[in-house]
N, C-alpha and C. Protein backbone atom coordinates (compact mmCIF):
# COMPACT_ATOMS: atom_id res chain seq x y z
N UNK A 1 101.57 86.46 105.02
CA UNK A 1 100.64 87.72 104.33
C UNK A 1 100.34 86.63 103.75
N UNK A 2 100.71 86.54 102.86
CA UNK A 2 99.67 85.04 101.61
C UNK A 2 101.17 84.96 100.39
N UNK A 3 100.93 84.14 99.40
CA UNK A 3 101.91 83.16 99.21
C UNK A 3 101.40 83.21 97.34
N UNK A 4 102.37 83.09 96.01
CA UNK A 4 101.67 83.26 95.06
C UNK A 4 102.07 81.24 95.10
N UNK A 5 101.05 81.18 94.13
CA UNK A 5 100.98 79.51 93.52
C UNK A 5 100.50 79.64 92.01
N UNK A 6 101.33 78.70 91.46
CA UNK A 6 100.64 78.82 89.95
C UNK A 6 99.79 80.55 88.93
N UNK A 7 100.54 81.65 89.49
CA UNK A 7 100.54 82.65 89.18
C UNK A 7 99.40 83.08 90.16
N UNK A 8 98.71 82.86 91.01
CA UNK A 8 97.95 83.37 91.26
C UNK A 8 97.78 82.75 93.05
N UNK A 9 98.02 84.86 93.61
CA UNK A 9 98.31 84.64 94.53
C UNK A 9 96.80 84.52 95.67
N UNK A 10 97.26 83.95 96.88
CA UNK A 10 96.78 83.00 97.75
C UNK A 10 97.07 84.07 99.22
N UNK A 11 96.10 84.54 99.80
CA UNK A 11 96.38 85.32 101.27
C UNK A 11 95.99 84.29 102.23
N UNK A 12 97.56 84.64 103.70
CA UNK A 12 97.52 83.67 104.37
C UNK A 12 98.32 84.95 105.95
N UNK A 13 97.09 85.36 106.44
CA UNK A 13 97.25 87.01 107.31
C UNK A 13 97.63 85.73 108.49
N UNK A 14 98.60 86.04 109.17
CA UNK A 14 99.21 85.94 110.28
C UNK A 14 99.10 86.91 111.68
N UNK A 15 99.07 86.72 112.80
CA UNK A 15 98.93 88.04 113.57
C UNK A 15 100.17 87.36 114.83
N UNK A 16 101.16 88.06 115.42
CA UNK A 16 101.77 88.39 116.17
C UNK A 16 101.04 87.15 117.23
N UNK A 17 99.99 88.24 118.13
CA UNK A 17 99.28 87.72 119.44
C UNK A 17 97.52 87.20 118.61
N UNK A 18 97.41 86.23 120.03
CA UNK A 18 95.98 85.72 119.69
C UNK A 18 94.80 87.16 119.36
N UNK A 19 93.83 86.91 119.20
CA UNK A 19 92.79 87.86 118.33
C UNK A 19 92.03 88.04 119.89
N UNK A 20 91.62 89.12 120.12
CA UNK A 20 90.22 88.94 120.89
C UNK A 20 89.30 88.87 120.15
N UNK A 21 88.30 88.43 120.97
CA UNK A 21 86.66 87.84 120.17
C UNK A 21 86.51 89.09 119.04
N UNK A 22 86.22 90.25 119.53
CA UNK A 22 86.09 91.71 118.51
C UNK A 22 87.37 91.46 117.64
N UNK A 23 88.57 91.18 117.51
CA UNK A 23 89.23 91.22 116.71
C UNK A 23 89.09 90.12 115.72
N UNK A 24 88.53 89.32 115.84
CA UNK A 24 88.57 88.03 115.38
C UNK A 24 87.57 88.19 114.05
N UNK A 25 86.82 89.11 114.89
CA UNK A 25 85.13 89.25 113.71
C UNK A 25 85.42 90.30 113.15
N UNK A 26 85.99 91.25 112.97
CA UNK A 26 87.16 92.43 112.24
C UNK A 26 88.22 91.36 111.22
N UNK A 27 88.61 90.14 111.77
CA UNK A 27 89.62 89.86 110.92
C UNK A 27 89.11 88.97 109.82
N UNK A 28 88.08 88.39 110.32
CA UNK A 28 86.93 87.25 109.19
C UNK A 28 86.97 88.59 107.78
N UNK A 29 86.01 90.04 108.50
CA UNK A 29 85.78 90.98 107.80
C UNK A 29 87.02 91.15 106.45
N UNK A 30 87.76 91.58 107.11
CA UNK A 30 89.16 91.81 106.66
C UNK A 30 89.51 90.97 105.09
N UNK A 31 89.12 89.43 105.62
CA UNK A 31 89.11 88.21 104.68
C UNK A 31 88.45 88.37 103.00
N UNK A 32 87.23 89.00 103.97
CA UNK A 32 85.69 89.12 103.39
C UNK A 32 86.31 89.86 101.94
N UNK A 33 86.78 90.80 102.52
CA UNK A 33 86.99 92.07 101.94
C UNK A 33 87.86 91.45 100.83
N UNK A 34 89.26 90.71 101.14
CA UNK A 34 90.68 91.35 100.53
C UNK A 34 89.79 89.80 99.42
N UNK A 35 88.83 88.85 99.67
CA UNK A 35 88.54 88.28 98.54
C UNK A 35 89.01 88.45 96.91
N UNK A 36 87.89 89.49 97.10
CA UNK A 36 87.68 90.11 95.57
C UNK A 36 89.34 90.97 95.15
N UNK A 37 90.04 90.85 95.77
CA UNK A 37 91.16 91.78 95.36
C UNK A 37 91.93 90.48 94.46
N UNK A 38 92.43 91.12 93.69
CA UNK A 38 93.07 90.55 92.28
C UNK A 38 94.50 91.22 92.46
N UNK A 39 95.43 90.35 92.23
CA UNK A 39 96.71 90.87 92.45
C UNK A 39 97.37 90.10 91.33
N UNK A 40 98.35 90.67 90.81
CA UNK A 40 99.01 90.49 89.08
C UNK A 40 100.31 90.77 89.24
N UNK A 41 101.00 89.45 89.46
CA UNK A 41 102.47 89.23 89.46
C UNK A 41 103.22 90.03 88.68
N UNK A 42 104.13 91.39 89.17
CA UNK A 42 105.06 91.61 88.59
C UNK A 42 104.07 93.08 87.74
N UNK A 43 103.17 92.96 89.01
CA UNK A 43 102.25 94.67 88.65
C UNK A 43 102.93 95.49 89.22
N UNK A 44 102.33 96.28 89.22
CA UNK A 44 103.08 97.57 90.49
C UNK A 44 101.59 97.74 91.34
N UNK A 45 102.11 97.95 91.90
CA UNK A 45 100.73 98.36 92.89
C UNK A 45 100.18 99.73 92.86
N UNK A 46 99.18 99.94 92.65
CA UNK A 46 98.95 101.59 92.84
C UNK A 46 97.44 102.01 93.57
N UNK A 47 97.68 102.97 94.27
CA UNK A 47 96.47 103.11 95.59
C UNK A 47 95.41 104.32 94.61
N UNK A 48 93.92 103.95 94.84
CA UNK A 48 92.85 104.26 93.90
C UNK A 48 91.65 104.82 94.94
N UNK A 49 91.43 106.07 95.68
CA UNK A 49 90.72 106.85 96.25
C UNK A 49 89.68 106.83 95.35
N UNK A 50 87.90 105.62 96.18
CA UNK A 50 87.08 104.99 95.17
C UNK A 50 85.78 105.59 95.20
N UNK A 51 85.76 106.88 96.68
CA UNK A 51 84.70 107.18 96.13
C UNK A 51 84.86 108.61 95.86
N UNK A 52 85.75 109.37 95.34
CA UNK A 52 86.12 110.06 94.51
C UNK A 52 86.86 109.80 92.58
N UNK A 53 85.64 110.08 92.35
CA UNK A 53 86.37 109.92 90.45
C UNK A 53 87.29 110.61 90.01
N UNK A 54 87.88 110.96 91.48
CA UNK A 54 89.91 111.14 90.47
C UNK A 54 90.30 110.17 90.75
N UNK A 55 90.15 109.78 92.03
CA UNK A 55 90.51 108.58 92.14
C UNK A 55 91.90 108.70 93.63
N UNK A 56 91.73 110.02 93.01
CA UNK A 56 92.77 110.89 94.54
C UNK A 56 91.82 111.28 96.48
N UNK A 57 92.82 111.14 97.15
CA UNK A 57 91.37 111.44 98.41
C UNK A 57 92.00 113.29 98.87
N UNK A 58 90.08 112.84 99.16
CA UNK A 58 90.82 114.52 100.11
C UNK A 58 89.70 114.74 100.84
N UNK A 59 89.65 115.22 102.49
CA UNK A 59 88.34 115.52 102.93
C UNK A 59 86.87 115.66 102.18
N UNK A 60 86.92 116.33 101.73
CA UNK A 60 85.92 116.61 101.18
C UNK A 60 85.21 115.90 100.79
N UNK A 61 85.82 115.17 99.58
CA UNK A 61 85.34 113.92 99.17
C UNK A 61 84.93 112.75 100.11
N UNK A 62 85.42 112.85 101.36
CA UNK A 62 85.32 111.96 102.26
C UNK A 62 83.85 112.26 102.82
N UNK A 63 83.80 113.89 103.30
CA UNK A 63 83.05 113.85 103.71
C UNK A 63 81.61 113.82 102.69
N UNK A 64 81.53 114.10 101.84
CA UNK A 64 80.86 113.52 101.14
C UNK A 64 80.20 112.36 101.20
N UNK A 65 81.34 111.22 101.24
CA UNK A 65 81.04 109.71 100.98
C UNK A 65 79.93 109.57 102.47
N UNK A 66 81.07 109.82 103.43
CA UNK A 66 80.02 110.16 104.61
C UNK A 66 78.85 110.75 104.86
N UNK A 67 79.20 112.06 104.51
CA UNK A 67 77.28 112.39 104.34
C UNK A 67 76.36 111.14 103.09
N UNK A 68 76.93 110.67 102.23
CA UNK A 68 75.50 110.48 101.62
C UNK A 68 75.51 108.70 101.59
N UNK A 69 76.05 108.30 103.60
CA UNK A 69 75.63 107.03 103.26
C UNK A 69 74.25 107.29 104.45
N UNK A 70 73.40 105.90 104.60
CA UNK A 70 72.37 106.32 105.12
C UNK A 70 72.18 106.45 106.37
N UNK A 71 71.05 107.42 106.34
CA UNK A 71 71.75 108.18 107.71
C UNK A 71 71.39 106.86 108.82
N UNK A 72 70.81 105.58 109.07
CA UNK A 72 70.91 104.84 110.20
C UNK A 72 72.15 104.61 110.39
N UNK A 73 73.16 104.57 109.21
CA UNK A 73 74.70 103.89 109.56
C UNK A 73 75.35 105.02 110.58
N UNK A 74 74.75 105.93 110.68
CA UNK A 74 75.60 106.93 111.89
C UNK A 74 74.27 107.46 112.90
N UNK A 75 74.61 107.72 114.12
CA UNK A 75 73.74 108.30 115.33
C UNK A 75 73.79 109.71 114.30
N UNK A 76 72.70 110.50 115.08
CA UNK A 76 72.49 112.08 113.96
C UNK A 76 73.06 112.65 115.57
N UNK A 77 73.94 112.31 116.85
CA UNK A 77 75.02 113.71 117.61
C UNK A 77 76.24 113.43 116.17
N UNK A 78 76.87 112.10 115.65
CA UNK A 78 77.76 111.56 115.15
C UNK A 78 77.68 112.87 113.98
N UNK A 79 76.67 112.68 112.77
CA UNK A 79 76.44 113.38 112.19
C UNK A 79 76.05 115.00 111.96
N UNK A 80 75.83 115.72 113.09
CA UNK A 80 75.43 116.63 113.87
C UNK A 80 77.24 117.54 113.56
N UNK A 81 77.79 116.41 114.27
CA UNK A 81 79.66 117.25 114.49
C UNK A 81 79.96 117.09 113.47
N UNK A 82 79.93 116.03 112.27
CA UNK A 82 80.65 116.30 111.06
C UNK A 82 80.00 117.54 110.47
N UNK A 83 78.73 117.79 110.74
CA UNK A 83 77.98 118.92 109.68
C UNK A 83 78.53 119.95 110.37
N UNK A 84 79.16 120.35 111.23
CA UNK A 84 79.50 121.41 112.20
C UNK A 84 80.93 121.39 111.88
N UNK A 85 81.62 120.35 111.82
CA UNK A 85 82.65 120.60 111.86
C UNK A 85 83.44 121.05 110.56
N UNK A 86 82.86 120.55 109.34
CA UNK A 86 83.08 120.89 108.02
C UNK A 86 82.42 122.69 107.37
N UNK A 87 81.32 123.30 108.50
CA UNK A 87 81.44 124.44 108.69
C UNK A 87 81.96 125.74 109.23
N UNK A 88 83.10 124.98 110.52
CA UNK A 88 83.61 125.40 111.40
C UNK A 88 84.92 126.62 110.48
N UNK A 89 85.27 128.02 110.85
CA UNK A 89 85.71 128.46 110.10
C UNK A 89 87.48 128.61 110.13
N UNK A 90 87.74 126.92 110.19
CA UNK A 90 88.93 127.10 110.39
C UNK A 90 90.51 127.27 109.23
N UNK A 91 91.02 128.44 109.94
CA UNK A 91 91.86 128.35 108.43
C UNK A 91 92.86 127.43 108.00
N UNK A 92 92.84 126.83 106.85
CA UNK A 92 93.59 125.66 105.86
C UNK A 92 94.94 125.23 105.93
N UNK A 93 95.95 125.25 106.35
CA UNK A 93 97.23 124.95 106.12
C UNK A 93 98.09 125.94 105.93
């Protein structure tokens, strides 16, 4: 996964199997995302859901996040399906 050297974390991703071409592209995207992740030795990790100001995940915040994305990001049928899903009268747990 990675290693510490002089109090700096270096990512080293290793895979158990050879990656398919599409997986190589995804792995490269992951590495690009991880470049900006700064770990601090001795500090406990925490989770934060960035699309919501509270930092907590919710279906509503995810739906709002998806709705605010560029229309070209999703095909119109997916956008319609998300809208219908949210309006569906389904009882909560």
